Amino acid sequence: MSDLKNILSNSNSIDEQLFQKYLAGTASAEERFLVENQMAEDLMVNEAIEGLQNFKDPQLTQAYVTQLNSQLQKQIGKRKKRQINRQIKEQSWTIIAIIVVLTISLLAYFTIHLLHHPLH
């Protein structure tokens, strides 16, 4: 679940530290190859890296990444709350609909029963 909330995470992506090393220019040739390969495969990773490369100060980059992660977590939390609230509202309408259908069915049954077997 925490992977979904991390802006630099992906199901098959490399860890954030490797991205930071790549951005700082301290990654080895093999690590650069891994990051560039990931960038070629995933457009979102590519855009994230290109955007982060525009920042000159690595501490500023880390601050923005942290800020983006916290905003993403808040947004996901709000979306989940809305989804849960929507499910509860939909369930209440479903229950009301079932009660109405059962009531109509029972009334129809008793009406038909009384028509065929009138009370004496």
N, C-alpha and C. Protein backbone atom coordinates (compact mmCIF):
# COMPACT_ATOMS: atom_id res chain seq x y z
N MET A 1 0.82 -1.19 0.00
CA MET A 1 0.00 0.00 0.00
C MET A 1 0.86 1.25 0.00
N SER A 2 1.96 1.23 0.72
CA SER A 2 2.82 2.41 0.74
C SER A 2 3.46 2.63 -0.63
N ASP A 3 3.63 1.56 -1.42
CA ASP A 3 4.19 1.73 -2.76
C ASP A 3 3.27 2.55 -3.64
N LEU A 4 1.93 2.43 -3.43
CA LEU A 4 1.00 3.19 -4.22
C LEU A 4 1.08 4.67 -3.89
N LYS A 5 1.53 5.00 -2.69
CA LYS A 5 1.57 6.37 -2.25
C LYS A 5 2.90 7.05 -2.54
N ASN A 6 3.84 6.33 -3.10
CA ASN A 6 5.15 6.90 -3.36
C ASN A 6 5.21 7.32 -4.82
N ILE A 7 5.46 8.58 -5.06
CA ILE A 7 5.42 9.13 -6.41
C ILE A 7 6.43 8.48 -7.34
N LEU A 8 7.57 8.04 -6.80
CA LEU A 8 8.59 7.43 -7.65
C LEU A 8 8.47 5.91 -7.71
N SER A 9 7.50 5.34 -7.05
CA SER A 9 7.38 3.89 -7.04
C SER A 9 6.52 3.41 -8.19
N ASN A 10 6.81 2.22 -8.62
CA ASN A 10 6.03 1.54 -9.63
C ASN A 10 6.14 0.07 -9.33
N SER A 11 5.23 -0.75 -9.86
CA SER A 11 5.23 -2.17 -9.51
C SER A 11 6.54 -2.85 -9.87
N ASN A 12 7.18 -2.43 -10.93
CA ASN A 12 8.44 -3.07 -11.31
C ASN A 12 9.58 -2.04 -11.37
N SER A 13 9.45 -0.97 -10.64
CA SER A 13 10.46 0.08 -10.73
C SER A 13 11.59 -0.13 -9.75
N ILE A 14 12.58 0.70 -9.88
CA ILE A 14 13.76 0.66 -9.05
C ILE A 14 13.49 1.57 -7.85
N ASP A 15 14.25 1.40 -6.79
CA ASP A 15 13.99 2.18 -5.58
C ASP A 15 14.36 3.66 -5.75
N GLU A 16 13.83 4.47 -4.84
CA GLU A 16 14.00 5.92 -4.90
C GLU A 16 15.47 6.32 -4.76
N GLN A 17 16.23 5.58 -3.96
CA GLN A 17 17.64 5.91 -3.76
C GLN A 17 18.43 5.84 -5.06
N LEU A 18 18.10 4.86 -5.90
CA LEU A 18 18.78 4.73 -7.18
C LEU A 18 18.44 5.91 -8.08
N PHE A 19 17.18 6.35 -8.04
CA PHE A 19 16.80 7.53 -8.81
C PHE A 19 17.56 8.76 -8.31
N GLN A 20 17.69 8.88 -7.00
CA GLN A 20 18.42 10.01 -6.43
C GLN A 20 19.89 9.97 -6.86
N LYS A 21 20.49 8.78 -6.85
CA LYS A 21 21.88 8.65 -7.29
C LYS A 21 22.00 9.03 -8.76
N TYR A 22 21.02 8.61 -9.57
CA TYR A 22 21.04 8.94 -10.99
C TYR A 22 20.94 10.44 -11.19
N LEU A 23 20.04 11.08 -10.44
CA LEU A 23 19.86 12.52 -10.57
C LEU A 23 21.10 13.28 -10.10
N ALA A 24 21.77 12.75 -9.06
CA ALA A 24 22.96 13.41 -8.54
C ALA A 24 24.19 13.15 -9.41
N GLY A 25 24.10 12.16 -10.30
CA GLY A 25 25.21 11.82 -11.18
C GLY A 25 26.22 10.90 -10.53
N THR A 26 25.85 10.24 -9.44
CA THR A 26 26.77 9.35 -8.74
C THR A 26 26.47 7.88 -9.00
N ALA A 27 25.56 7.58 -9.90
CA ALA A 27 25.20 6.20 -10.20
C ALA A 27 26.27 5.56 -11.08
N SER A 28 26.48 4.27 -10.87
CA SER A 28 27.44 3.53 -11.69
C SER A 28 26.84 3.33 -13.09
N ALA A 29 27.64 2.81 -13.99
CA ALA A 29 27.17 2.58 -15.36
C ALA A 29 26.00 1.59 -15.37
N GLU A 30 26.11 0.55 -14.55
CA GLU A 30 25.04 -0.45 -14.48
C GLU A 30 23.76 0.17 -13.92
N GLU A 31 23.90 1.01 -12.89
CA GLU A 31 22.73 1.66 -12.29
C GLU A 31 22.10 2.66 -13.26
N ARG A 32 22.94 3.39 -13.99
CA ARG A 32 22.42 4.32 -15.00
C ARG A 32 21.65 3.56 -16.07
N PHE A 33 22.20 2.39 -16.47
CA PHE A 33 21.52 1.56 -17.47
C PHE A 33 20.15 1.12 -16.96
N LEU A 34 20.08 0.70 -15.68
CA LEU A 34 18.80 0.27 -15.10
C LEU A 34 17.79 1.41 -15.11
N VAL A 35 18.22 2.59 -14.69
CA VAL A 35 17.31 3.74 -14.64
C VAL A 35 16.87 4.14 -16.04
N GLU A 36 17.80 4.21 -16.96
CA GLU A 36 17.45 4.60 -18.33
C GLU A 36 16.56 3.56 -19.00
N ASN A 37 16.79 2.29 -18.68
CA ASN A 37 15.93 1.23 -19.20
C ASN A 37 14.51 1.40 -18.65
N GLN A 38 14.42 1.71 -17.35
CA GLN A 38 13.11 1.93 -16.72
C GLN A 38 12.43 3.15 -17.34
N MET A 39 13.21 4.19 -17.63
CA MET A 39 12.67 5.39 -18.25
C MET A 39 12.12 5.08 -19.65
N ALA A 40 12.81 4.20 -20.36
CA ALA A 40 12.36 3.85 -21.71
C ALA A 40 11.07 3.03 -21.67
N GLU A 41 10.92 2.22 -20.63
CA GLU A 41 9.74 1.35 -20.51
C GLU A 41 8.53 2.07 -19.96
N ASP A 42 8.74 3.04 -19.07
CA ASP A 42 7.63 3.68 -18.36
C ASP A 42 7.67 5.18 -18.60
N LEU A 43 6.67 5.68 -19.31
CA LEU A 43 6.60 7.09 -19.66
C LEU A 43 6.51 7.97 -18.41
N MET A 44 5.79 7.51 -17.38
CA MET A 44 5.66 8.30 -16.17
C MET A 44 7.00 8.46 -15.45
N VAL A 45 7.78 7.38 -15.40
CA VAL A 45 9.11 7.45 -14.80
C VAL A 45 9.98 8.39 -15.60
N ASN A 46 9.89 8.31 -16.91
CA ASN A 46 10.67 9.18 -17.78
C ASN A 46 10.35 10.64 -17.52
N GLU A 47 9.06 10.96 -17.45
CA GLU A 47 8.65 12.35 -17.20
C GLU A 47 9.06 12.81 -15.81
N ALA A 48 8.96 11.92 -14.82
CA ALA A 48 9.36 12.27 -13.45
C ALA A 48 10.85 12.58 -13.39
N ILE A 49 11.66 11.74 -14.00
CA ILE A 49 13.12 11.95 -13.99
C ILE A 49 13.47 13.23 -14.73
N GLU A 50 12.87 13.45 -15.91
CA GLU A 50 13.16 14.66 -16.66
C GLU A 50 12.77 15.91 -15.88
N GLY A 51 11.62 15.84 -15.19
CA GLY A 51 11.20 16.98 -14.39
C GLY A 51 12.12 17.22 -13.22
N LEU A 52 12.55 16.15 -12.56
CA LEU A 52 13.44 16.29 -11.40
C LEU A 52 14.85 16.73 -11.81
N GLN A 53 15.25 16.44 -13.05
CA GLN A 53 16.56 16.88 -13.53
C GLN A 53 16.64 18.40 -13.68
N ASN A 54 15.49 19.05 -13.79
CA ASN A 54 15.48 20.51 -13.92
C ASN A 54 15.88 21.22 -12.64
N PHE A 55 15.82 20.52 -11.51
CA PHE A 55 16.21 21.12 -10.24
C PHE A 55 17.72 20.99 -10.08
N LYS A 56 18.34 22.09 -9.72
CA LYS A 56 19.80 22.10 -9.58
C LYS A 56 20.24 21.61 -8.20
N ASP A 57 19.46 21.90 -7.17
CA ASP A 57 19.82 21.58 -5.79
C ASP A 57 19.22 20.22 -5.40
N PRO A 58 20.05 19.21 -5.06
CA PRO A 58 19.52 17.90 -4.70
C PRO A 58 18.62 17.94 -3.47
N GLN A 59 18.93 18.83 -2.52
CA GLN A 59 18.07 18.92 -1.34
C GLN A 59 16.70 19.48 -1.72
N LEU A 60 16.68 20.41 -2.65
CA LEU A 60 15.43 20.95 -3.13
C LEU A 60 14.63 19.87 -3.87
N THR A 61 15.33 19.05 -4.61
CA THR A 61 14.68 17.94 -5.31
C THR A 61 14.04 17.00 -4.30
N GLN A 62 14.77 16.65 -3.25
CA GLN A 62 14.24 15.75 -2.23
C GLN A 62 13.04 16.38 -1.53
N ALA A 63 13.09 17.69 -1.30
CA ALA A 63 11.97 18.38 -0.66
C ALA A 63 10.73 18.32 -1.54
N TYR A 64 10.91 18.51 -2.85
CA TYR A 64 9.77 18.44 -3.76
C TYR A 64 9.22 17.01 -3.85
N VAL A 65 10.09 16.03 -3.86
CA VAL A 65 9.64 14.64 -3.90
C VAL A 65 8.84 14.32 -2.64
N THR A 66 9.32 14.76 -1.49
CA THR A 66 8.61 14.55 -0.23
C THR A 66 7.26 15.24 -0.26
N GLN A 67 7.24 16.47 -0.75
CA GLN A 67 5.98 17.23 -0.84
C GLN A 67 5.00 16.53 -1.79
N LEU A 68 5.49 16.08 -2.93
CA LEU A 68 4.62 15.38 -3.89
C LEU A 68 4.06 14.09 -3.28
N ASN A 69 4.91 13.37 -2.55
CA ASN A 69 4.45 12.13 -1.91
C ASN A 69 3.37 12.42 -0.88
N SER A 70 3.55 13.46 -0.08
CA SER A 70 2.54 13.77 0.94
C SER A 70 1.24 14.23 0.29
N GLN A 71 1.33 15.03 -0.77
CA GLN A 71 0.11 15.45 -1.47
C GLN A 71 -0.59 14.25 -2.11
N LEU A 72 0.18 13.34 -2.65
CA LEU A 72 -0.40 12.14 -3.26
C LEU A 72 -1.10 11.29 -2.21
N GLN A 73 -0.49 11.16 -1.03
CA GLN A 73 -1.11 10.39 0.05
C GLN A 73 -2.43 11.03 0.48
N LYS A 74 -2.45 12.35 0.61
CA LYS A 74 -3.69 13.04 0.99
C LYS A 74 -4.76 12.84 -0.07
N GLN A 75 -4.38 12.95 -1.33
CA GLN A 75 -5.34 12.80 -2.42
C GLN A 75 -5.90 11.39 -2.46
N ILE A 76 -5.05 10.39 -2.27
CA ILE A 76 -5.51 9.01 -2.26
C ILE A 76 -6.43 8.77 -1.06
N GLY A 77 -6.09 9.36 0.09
CA GLY A 77 -6.93 9.22 1.28
C GLY A 77 -8.31 9.81 1.07
N LYS A 78 -8.36 11.00 0.47
CA LYS A 78 -9.65 11.64 0.18
C LYS A 78 -10.46 10.80 -0.78
N ARG A 79 -9.81 10.28 -1.80
CA ARG A 79 -10.50 9.47 -2.80
C ARG A 79 -11.08 8.20 -2.17
N LYS A 80 -10.32 7.58 -1.26
CA LYS A 80 -10.81 6.37 -0.59
C LYS A 80 -12.01 6.69 0.29
N LYS A 81 -11.95 7.82 1.02
CA LYS A 81 -13.08 8.21 1.87
C LYS A 81 -14.33 8.43 1.04
N ARG A 82 -14.19 9.12 -0.09
CA ARG A 82 -15.34 9.35 -0.97
C ARG A 82 -15.88 8.04 -1.50
N GLN A 83 -14.99 7.12 -1.84
CA GLN A 83 -15.41 5.83 -2.37
C GLN A 83 -16.17 5.04 -1.31
N ILE A 84 -15.69 5.06 -0.07
CA ILE A 84 -16.37 4.35 1.02
C ILE A 84 -17.73 4.98 1.27
N ASN A 85 -17.80 6.31 1.32
CA ASN A 85 -19.08 6.98 1.52
C ASN A 85 -20.06 6.67 0.41
N ARG A 86 -19.57 6.62 -0.82
CA ARG A 86 -20.41 6.31 -1.96
C ARG A 86 -20.94 4.88 -1.85
N GLN A 87 -20.12 3.95 -1.41
CA GLN A 87 -20.56 2.56 -1.26
C GLN A 87 -21.65 2.45 -0.22
N ILE A 88 -21.52 3.17 0.89
CA ILE A 88 -22.54 3.11 1.94
C ILE A 88 -23.85 3.67 1.42
N LYS A 89 -23.81 4.79 0.71
CA LYS A 89 -25.03 5.37 0.15
C LYS A 89 -25.67 4.43 -0.86
N GLU A 90 -24.87 3.82 -1.71
CA GLU A 90 -25.41 2.89 -2.69
C GLU A 90 -26.04 1.68 -2.02
N GLN A 91 -25.46 1.21 -0.93
CA GLN A 91 -26.01 0.06 -0.23
C GLN A 91 -27.34 0.41 0.42
N SER A 92 -27.48 1.62 0.94
CA SER A 92 -28.75 2.00 1.56
C SER A 92 -29.86 2.04 0.52
N TRP A 93 -29.57 2.53 -0.67
CA TRP A 93 -30.57 2.53 -1.73
C TRP A 93 -30.91 1.12 -2.17
N THR A 94 -29.94 0.25 -2.16
CA THR A 94 -30.19 -1.15 -2.52
C THR A 94 -31.11 -1.80 -1.50
N ILE A 95 -30.87 -1.55 -0.24
CA ILE A 95 -31.71 -2.12 0.82
C ILE A 95 -33.13 -1.58 0.71
N ILE A 96 -33.28 -0.28 0.47
CA ILE A 96 -34.61 0.30 0.31
C ILE A 96 -35.32 -0.31 -0.89
N ALA A 97 -34.62 -0.49 -1.98
CA ALA A 97 -35.22 -1.09 -3.18
C ALA A 97 -35.67 -2.52 -2.90
N ILE A 98 -34.85 -3.28 -2.18
CA ILE A 98 -35.23 -4.67 -1.86
C ILE A 98 -36.48 -4.69 -0.98
N ILE A 99 -36.55 -3.81 0.00
CA ILE A 99 -37.72 -3.75 0.89
C ILE A 99 -38.97 -3.38 0.09
N VAL A 100 -38.87 -2.42 -0.82
CA VAL A 100 -40.01 -2.02 -1.64
C VAL A 100 -40.46 -3.17 -2.53
N VAL A 101 -39.54 -3.86 -3.16
CA VAL A 101 -39.90 -4.99 -4.03
C VAL A 101 -40.55 -6.10 -3.22
N LEU A 102 -40.02 -6.40 -2.04
CA LEU A 102 -40.62 -7.45 -1.19
C LEU A 102 -42.02 -7.04 -0.73
N THR A 103 -42.20 -5.79 -0.37
CA THR A 103 -43.52 -5.32 0.07
C THR A 103 -44.53 -5.42 -1.07
N ILE A 104 -44.15 -4.99 -2.24
CA ILE A 104 -45.05 -5.08 -3.40
C ILE A 104 -45.36 -6.54 -3.71
N SER A 105 -44.36 -7.40 -3.63
CA SER A 105 -44.57 -8.83 -3.89
C SER A 105 -45.54 -9.43 -2.89
N LEU A 106 -45.38 -9.10 -1.60
CA LEU A 106 -46.29 -9.62 -0.58
C LEU A 106 -47.71 -9.10 -0.78
N LEU A 107 -47.84 -7.82 -1.08
CA LEU A 107 -49.17 -7.27 -1.34
C LEU A 107 -49.82 -7.93 -2.55
N ALA A 108 -49.06 -8.15 -3.60
CA ALA A 108 -49.59 -8.82 -4.79
C ALA A 108 -50.00 -10.25 -4.46
N TYR A 109 -49.20 -10.96 -3.67
CA TYR A 109 -49.52 -12.34 -3.29
C TYR A 109 -50.83 -12.39 -2.51
N PHE A 110 -50.97 -11.53 -1.50
CA PHE A 110 -52.18 -11.54 -0.68
C PHE A 110 -53.40 -11.10 -1.49
N THR A 111 -53.23 -10.16 -2.40
CA THR A 111 -54.34 -9.71 -3.24
C THR A 111 -54.81 -10.85 -4.14
N ILE A 112 -53.88 -11.53 -4.76
CA ILE A 112 -54.23 -12.65 -5.63
C ILE A 112 -54.86 -13.78 -4.81
N HIS A 113 -54.31 -14.05 -3.65
CA HIS A 113 -54.82 -15.11 -2.77
C HIS A 113 -56.26 -14.80 -2.33
N LEU A 114 -56.52 -13.53 -1.99
CA LEU A 114 -57.87 -13.14 -1.58
C LEU A 114 -58.85 -13.20 -2.74
N LEU A 115 -58.41 -12.91 -3.96
CA LEU A 115 -59.30 -12.98 -5.11
C LEU A 115 -59.71 -14.42 -5.43
N HIS A 116 -58.81 -15.34 -5.23
CA HIS A 116 -59.12 -16.75 -5.51
C HIS A 116 -59.84 -17.42 -4.34
N HIS A 117 -59.58 -17.01 -3.15
CA HIS A 117 -60.20 -17.59 -1.95
C HIS A 117 -60.80 -16.46 -1.11
N PRO A 118 -61.95 -15.96 -1.49
CA PRO A 118 -62.53 -14.87 -0.71
C PRO A 118 -62.87 -15.31 0.70
N LEU A 119 -62.83 -14.37 1.63
CA LEU A 119 -63.16 -14.65 3.02
C LEU A 119 -64.67 -14.82 3.14
N HIS A 120 -65.10 -15.81 3.92
CA HIS A 120 -66.55 -16.04 4.08
C HIS A 120 -67.02 -15.50 5.37
